[in-house]
Amino acid sequence: MTIRNMILPISGLVMIAVPLTAVAAHQSRQGTHEPILSQPIGDIENNFWFDYLSDIREAEHELKKDLKRATDDEDRRDAREEYRNEIADANKDYAKEMRERGYRVGRVTVGE
């Protein structure tokens, strides 16, 4: 089941729509980052999944803000490196939480 939009409660009164699409690794001059998940592990939508989505959206927001403030190539490189690190950290934290709860995490390859 693919979810295109989700409504996440931010407080009792405020809601935001979070678009979800399948996202491959983004290409940049400095390389790629890990894929961003488009579906929760085991199709289980729990607090860890919503935390993951929040971490991804925050990383994207920070990248956009940092790139807007960048004054040279080094600033842009630093912003993209920080973004790659944040994506990797979000993926690692989410996978760890789900693994600890008994869900199989990773890729399965069938055949040669």
N, C-alpha and C. Protein backbone atom coordinates (compact mmCIF):
# COMPACT_ATOMS: atom_id res chain seq x y z
N MET A 1 0.84 -1.17 0.00
CA MET A 1 0.00 0.00 0.00
C MET A 1 0.89 1.24 0.00
N THR A 2 0.74 2.06 -0.98
CA THR A 2 1.52 3.29 -1.06
C THR A 2 0.66 4.45 -0.61
N ILE A 3 1.21 5.26 0.24
CA ILE A 3 0.49 6.40 0.77
C ILE A 3 1.05 7.64 0.10
N ARG A 4 0.22 8.47 -0.48
CA ARG A 4 0.67 9.67 -1.17
C ARG A 4 0.74 10.87 -0.24
N ASN A 5 -0.21 11.02 0.65
CA ASN A 5 -0.21 12.13 1.60
C ASN A 5 -0.64 11.61 2.96
N MET A 6 -0.07 12.18 3.97
CA MET A 6 -0.46 11.82 5.34
C MET A 6 -0.72 13.11 6.08
N ILE A 7 -1.61 13.05 7.03
CA ILE A 7 -1.86 14.20 7.88
C ILE A 7 -1.24 13.87 9.23
N LEU A 8 -0.31 14.70 9.65
CA LEU A 8 0.38 14.48 10.91
C LEU A 8 -0.06 15.54 11.92
N PRO A 9 -0.55 15.14 13.08
CA PRO A 9 -0.90 16.14 14.08
C PRO A 9 0.37 16.75 14.67
N ILE A 10 0.42 18.05 14.70
CA ILE A 10 1.55 18.75 15.30
C ILE A 10 1.18 19.16 16.72
N SER A 11 -0.02 19.59 16.91
CA SER A 11 -0.55 19.87 18.23
C SER A 11 -2.02 19.54 18.18
N GLY A 12 -2.75 19.80 19.23
CA GLY A 12 -4.17 19.51 19.24
C GLY A 12 -4.94 20.29 18.19
N LEU A 13 -4.41 21.42 17.72
CA LEU A 13 -5.14 22.28 16.80
C LEU A 13 -4.55 22.37 15.41
N VAL A 14 -3.30 22.01 15.25
CA VAL A 14 -2.62 22.23 13.98
C VAL A 14 -2.33 20.89 13.31
N MET A 15 -2.59 20.80 12.02
CA MET A 15 -2.29 19.60 11.25
C MET A 15 -1.50 20.04 10.02
N ILE A 16 -0.59 19.16 9.56
CA ILE A 16 0.11 19.45 8.31
C ILE A 16 0.00 18.23 7.41
N ALA A 17 0.00 18.47 6.12
CA ALA A 17 0.00 17.37 5.15
C ALA A 17 1.44 17.11 4.75
N VAL A 18 1.81 15.84 4.77
CA VAL A 18 3.17 15.47 4.41
C VAL A 18 3.10 14.60 3.16
N PRO A 19 3.60 15.09 2.02
CA PRO A 19 3.58 14.28 0.81
C PRO A 19 4.60 13.15 0.90
N LEU A 20 4.20 11.97 0.49
CA LEU A 20 5.10 10.83 0.49
C LEU A 20 5.15 10.27 -0.92
N THR A 21 6.32 10.13 -1.46
CA THR A 21 6.49 9.52 -2.77
C THR A 21 7.72 8.65 -2.72
N ALA A 22 7.79 7.73 -3.62
CA ALA A 22 8.98 6.89 -3.69
C ALA A 22 10.13 7.78 -4.14
N VAL A 23 11.19 7.79 -3.38
CA VAL A 23 12.31 8.67 -3.68
C VAL A 23 13.58 7.84 -3.79
N ALA A 24 14.22 7.93 -4.93
CA ALA A 24 15.51 7.26 -5.10
C ALA A 24 16.59 8.15 -4.52
N ALA A 25 17.77 7.63 -4.47
CA ALA A 25 18.87 8.44 -3.96
C ALA A 25 19.04 9.68 -4.82
N HIS A 26 19.15 10.82 -4.19
CA HIS A 26 19.31 12.08 -4.91
C HIS A 26 20.74 12.19 -5.41
N GLN A 27 20.88 12.66 -6.61
CA GLN A 27 22.20 12.83 -7.20
C GLN A 27 22.63 14.28 -7.01
N SER A 28 23.84 14.46 -6.61
CA SER A 28 24.41 15.80 -6.52
C SER A 28 25.84 15.73 -7.02
N ARG A 29 26.48 16.87 -7.12
CA ARG A 29 27.87 16.87 -7.57
C ARG A 29 28.75 16.11 -6.59
N GLN A 30 28.36 16.06 -5.33
CA GLN A 30 29.18 15.41 -4.31
C GLN A 30 28.78 13.94 -4.09
N GLY A 31 27.85 13.39 -4.85
CA GLY A 31 27.48 12.01 -4.68
C GLY A 31 26.01 11.86 -4.35
N THR A 32 25.64 10.71 -3.84
CA THR A 32 24.25 10.42 -3.54
C THR A 32 24.08 10.20 -2.05
N HIS A 33 22.83 10.29 -1.61
CA HIS A 33 22.54 9.93 -0.22
C HIS A 33 21.70 8.66 -0.22
N GLU A 34 21.53 8.10 0.92
CA GLU A 34 20.74 6.89 1.04
C GLU A 34 19.30 7.15 0.58
N PRO A 35 18.64 6.12 0.09
CA PRO A 35 17.24 6.29 -0.32
C PRO A 35 16.37 6.69 0.87
N ILE A 36 15.38 7.50 0.60
CA ILE A 36 14.40 7.88 1.62
C ILE A 36 13.23 6.91 1.48
N LEU A 37 12.83 6.30 2.56
CA LEU A 37 11.75 5.32 2.52
C LEU A 37 10.44 5.97 2.12
N SER A 38 9.68 5.29 1.28
CA SER A 38 8.36 5.77 0.89
C SER A 38 7.25 5.02 1.60
N GLN A 39 7.60 3.94 2.28
CA GLN A 39 6.64 3.15 3.04
C GLN A 39 7.29 2.73 4.35
N PRO A 40 6.50 2.58 5.39
CA PRO A 40 7.08 2.12 6.66
C PRO A 40 7.51 0.66 6.58
N ILE A 41 8.47 0.31 7.38
CA ILE A 41 8.94 -1.08 7.46
C ILE A 41 7.79 -1.95 7.93
N GLY A 42 7.56 -3.03 7.22
CA GLY A 42 6.48 -3.95 7.56
C GLY A 42 5.10 -3.34 7.42
N ASP A 43 4.98 -2.23 6.70
CA ASP A 43 3.72 -1.49 6.55
C ASP A 43 3.09 -1.13 7.89
N ILE A 44 3.95 -0.94 8.92
CA ILE A 44 3.48 -0.59 10.25
C ILE A 44 3.70 0.91 10.47
N GLU A 45 2.60 1.64 10.55
CA GLU A 45 2.68 3.08 10.82
C GLU A 45 2.61 3.29 12.34
N ASN A 46 3.75 3.56 12.93
CA ASN A 46 3.81 3.76 14.37
C ASN A 46 4.59 5.04 14.66
N ASN A 47 4.82 5.33 15.92
CA ASN A 47 5.53 6.55 16.29
C ASN A 47 6.92 6.63 15.67
N PHE A 48 7.57 5.49 15.50
CA PHE A 48 8.91 5.49 14.91
C PHE A 48 8.87 5.91 13.44
N TRP A 49 7.83 5.47 12.72
CA TRP A 49 7.65 5.89 11.33
C TRP A 49 7.40 7.40 11.25
N PHE A 50 6.54 7.90 12.11
CA PHE A 50 6.23 9.33 12.09
C PHE A 50 7.44 10.16 12.52
N ASP A 51 8.23 9.64 13.45
CA ASP A 51 9.48 10.32 13.82
C ASP A 51 10.43 10.36 12.63
N TYR A 52 10.50 9.25 11.90
CA TYR A 52 11.35 9.17 10.71
C TYR A 52 10.94 10.23 9.69
N LEU A 53 9.63 10.29 9.41
CA LEU A 53 9.13 11.29 8.46
C LEU A 53 9.47 12.70 8.91
N SER A 54 9.32 12.94 10.18
CA SER A 54 9.65 14.27 10.73
C SER A 54 11.13 14.58 10.55
N ASP A 55 11.99 13.60 10.81
CA ASP A 55 13.43 13.79 10.64
C ASP A 55 13.78 14.10 9.19
N ILE A 56 13.14 13.40 8.25
CA ILE A 56 13.41 13.61 6.83
C ILE A 56 12.97 15.02 6.42
N ARG A 57 11.76 15.40 6.82
CA ARG A 57 11.25 16.73 6.46
C ARG A 57 12.11 17.84 7.07
N GLU A 58 12.58 17.62 8.28
CA GLU A 58 13.44 18.62 8.93
C GLU A 58 14.78 18.73 8.17
N ALA A 59 15.33 17.60 7.76
CA ALA A 59 16.60 17.61 7.01
C ALA A 59 16.42 18.35 5.68
N GLU A 60 15.30 18.10 5.00
CA GLU A 60 15.02 18.77 3.74
C GLU A 60 14.86 20.28 3.95
N HIS A 61 14.16 20.66 5.00
CA HIS A 61 13.97 22.07 5.32
C HIS A 61 15.31 22.75 5.60
N GLU A 62 16.14 22.10 6.39
CA GLU A 62 17.45 22.66 6.73
C GLU A 62 18.34 22.78 5.49
N LEU A 63 18.30 21.78 4.61
CA LEU A 63 19.09 21.85 3.39
C LEU A 63 18.68 23.06 2.56
N LYS A 64 17.39 23.21 2.38
CA LYS A 64 16.89 24.33 1.58
C LYS A 64 17.33 25.66 2.20
N LYS A 65 17.20 25.77 3.51
CA LYS A 65 17.58 26.99 4.21
C LYS A 65 19.09 27.23 4.10
N ASP A 66 19.89 26.19 4.30
CA ASP A 66 21.34 26.32 4.24
C ASP A 66 21.81 26.69 2.83
N LEU A 67 21.19 26.09 1.81
CA LEU A 67 21.58 26.41 0.44
C LEU A 67 21.22 27.85 0.07
N LYS A 68 20.11 28.32 0.60
CA LYS A 68 19.71 29.70 0.34
C LYS A 68 20.71 30.69 0.95
N ARG A 69 21.27 30.32 2.12
CA ARG A 69 22.23 31.20 2.81
C ARG A 69 23.66 31.03 2.33
N ALA A 70 23.92 29.98 1.55
CA ALA A 70 25.29 29.67 1.10
C ALA A 70 25.85 30.81 0.26
N THR A 71 27.11 31.11 0.51
CA THR A 71 27.76 32.19 -0.24
C THR A 71 28.85 31.67 -1.19
N ASP A 72 29.21 30.38 -1.04
CA ASP A 72 30.23 29.83 -1.92
C ASP A 72 30.06 28.31 -2.03
N ASP A 73 30.90 27.69 -2.84
CA ASP A 73 30.81 26.24 -3.06
C ASP A 73 31.04 25.45 -1.78
N GLU A 74 31.91 25.92 -0.93
CA GLU A 74 32.18 25.21 0.32
C GLU A 74 30.94 25.18 1.21
N ASP A 75 30.22 26.28 1.28
CA ASP A 75 28.97 26.31 2.06
C ASP A 75 27.96 25.32 1.49
N ARG A 76 27.86 25.26 0.17
CA ARG A 76 26.92 24.33 -0.47
C ARG A 76 27.34 22.88 -0.22
N ARG A 77 28.64 22.61 -0.30
CA ARG A 77 29.15 21.25 0.00
C ARG A 77 28.83 20.86 1.43
N ASP A 78 29.08 21.79 2.36
CA ASP A 78 28.79 21.52 3.77
C ASP A 78 27.30 21.24 4.00
N ALA A 79 26.45 22.00 3.35
CA ALA A 79 25.00 21.82 3.49
C ALA A 79 24.57 20.45 2.98
N ARG A 80 25.10 20.07 1.83
CA ARG A 80 24.74 18.76 1.26
C ARG A 80 25.30 17.61 2.09
N GLU A 81 26.50 17.79 2.61
CA GLU A 81 27.10 16.75 3.48
C GLU A 81 26.27 16.58 4.75
N GLU A 82 25.86 17.69 5.33
CA GLU A 82 25.02 17.62 6.53
C GLU A 82 23.70 16.92 6.22
N TYR A 83 23.12 17.22 5.06
CA TYR A 83 21.87 16.58 4.64
C TYR A 83 22.06 15.07 4.48
N ARG A 84 23.14 14.67 3.79
CA ARG A 84 23.41 13.23 3.63
C ARG A 84 23.55 12.54 4.99
N ASN A 85 24.24 13.20 5.92
CA ASN A 85 24.41 12.63 7.26
C ASN A 85 23.09 12.51 8.00
N GLU A 86 22.23 13.52 7.85
CA GLU A 86 20.93 13.48 8.53
C GLU A 86 20.05 12.37 7.97
N ILE A 87 20.07 12.18 6.65
CA ILE A 87 19.28 11.10 6.03
C ILE A 87 19.79 9.75 6.51
N ALA A 88 21.10 9.57 6.50
CA ALA A 88 21.69 8.30 6.96
C ALA A 88 21.34 8.03 8.42
N ASP A 89 21.40 9.07 9.25
CA ASP A 89 21.09 8.93 10.66
C ASP A 89 19.61 8.57 10.87
N ALA A 90 18.72 9.22 10.13
CA ALA A 90 17.29 8.93 10.25
C ALA A 90 17.01 7.49 9.85
N ASN A 91 17.61 7.04 8.74
CA ASN A 91 17.42 5.66 8.29
C ASN A 91 17.93 4.67 9.34
N LYS A 92 19.12 4.95 9.89
CA LYS A 92 19.73 4.05 10.88
C LYS A 92 18.87 3.98 12.15
N ASP A 93 18.44 5.12 12.64
CA ASP A 93 17.64 5.15 13.87
C ASP A 93 16.31 4.42 13.69
N TYR A 94 15.65 4.67 12.57
CA TYR A 94 14.35 4.03 12.32
C TYR A 94 14.52 2.51 12.19
N ALA A 95 15.50 2.09 11.41
CA ALA A 95 15.74 0.65 11.24
C ALA A 95 16.06 -0.02 12.58
N LYS A 96 16.86 0.65 13.40
CA LYS A 96 17.22 0.10 14.71
C LYS A 96 15.98 -0.09 15.58
N GLU A 97 15.13 0.91 15.63
CA GLU A 97 13.91 0.81 16.44
C GLU A 97 13.02 -0.33 15.97
N MET A 98 12.86 -0.47 14.66
CA MET A 98 12.00 -1.53 14.13
C MET A 98 12.65 -2.90 14.32
N ARG A 99 13.96 -2.98 14.16
CA ARG A 99 14.66 -4.25 14.38
C ARG A 99 14.49 -4.71 15.82
N GLU A 100 14.59 -3.76 16.75
CA GLU A 100 14.44 -4.09 18.17
C GLU A 100 13.04 -4.61 18.48
N ARG A 101 12.07 -4.30 17.65
CA ARG A 101 10.71 -4.75 17.85
C ARG A 101 10.39 -6.01 17.03
N GLY A 102 11.42 -6.58 16.43
CA GLY A 102 11.27 -7.87 15.74
C GLY A 102 10.93 -7.80 14.27
N TYR A 103 10.99 -6.64 13.66
CA TYR A 103 10.71 -6.53 12.23
C TYR A 103 11.97 -6.77 11.44
N ARG A 104 11.83 -7.45 10.31
CA ARG A 104 12.96 -7.70 9.44
C ARG A 104 13.25 -6.43 8.66
N VAL A 105 14.48 -6.00 8.72
CA VAL A 105 14.90 -4.75 8.10
C VAL A 105 15.98 -5.05 7.08
N GLY A 106 15.85 -4.52 5.88
CA GLY A 106 16.88 -4.70 4.87
C GLY A 106 16.31 -5.09 3.54
N ARG A 107 17.16 -5.54 2.67
CA ARG A 107 16.80 -5.86 1.31
C ARG A 107 16.84 -7.37 1.11
N VAL A 108 15.91 -7.89 0.35
CA VAL A 108 15.88 -9.31 0.02
C VAL A 108 16.10 -9.44 -1.47
N THR A 109 17.06 -10.26 -1.87
CA THR A 109 17.34 -10.50 -3.28
C THR A 109 17.01 -11.93 -3.59
N VAL A 110 16.22 -12.15 -4.66
CA VAL A 110 15.85 -13.49 -5.07
C VAL A 110 16.51 -13.76 -6.41
N GLY A 111 17.13 -14.94 -6.53
CA GLY A 111 17.79 -15.29 -7.78
C GLY A 111 19.23 -14.81 -7.80
N GLU A 112 19.79 -14.88 -8.99
CA GLU A 112 21.21 -14.50 -9.14
C GLU A 112 21.36 -13.11 -9.63
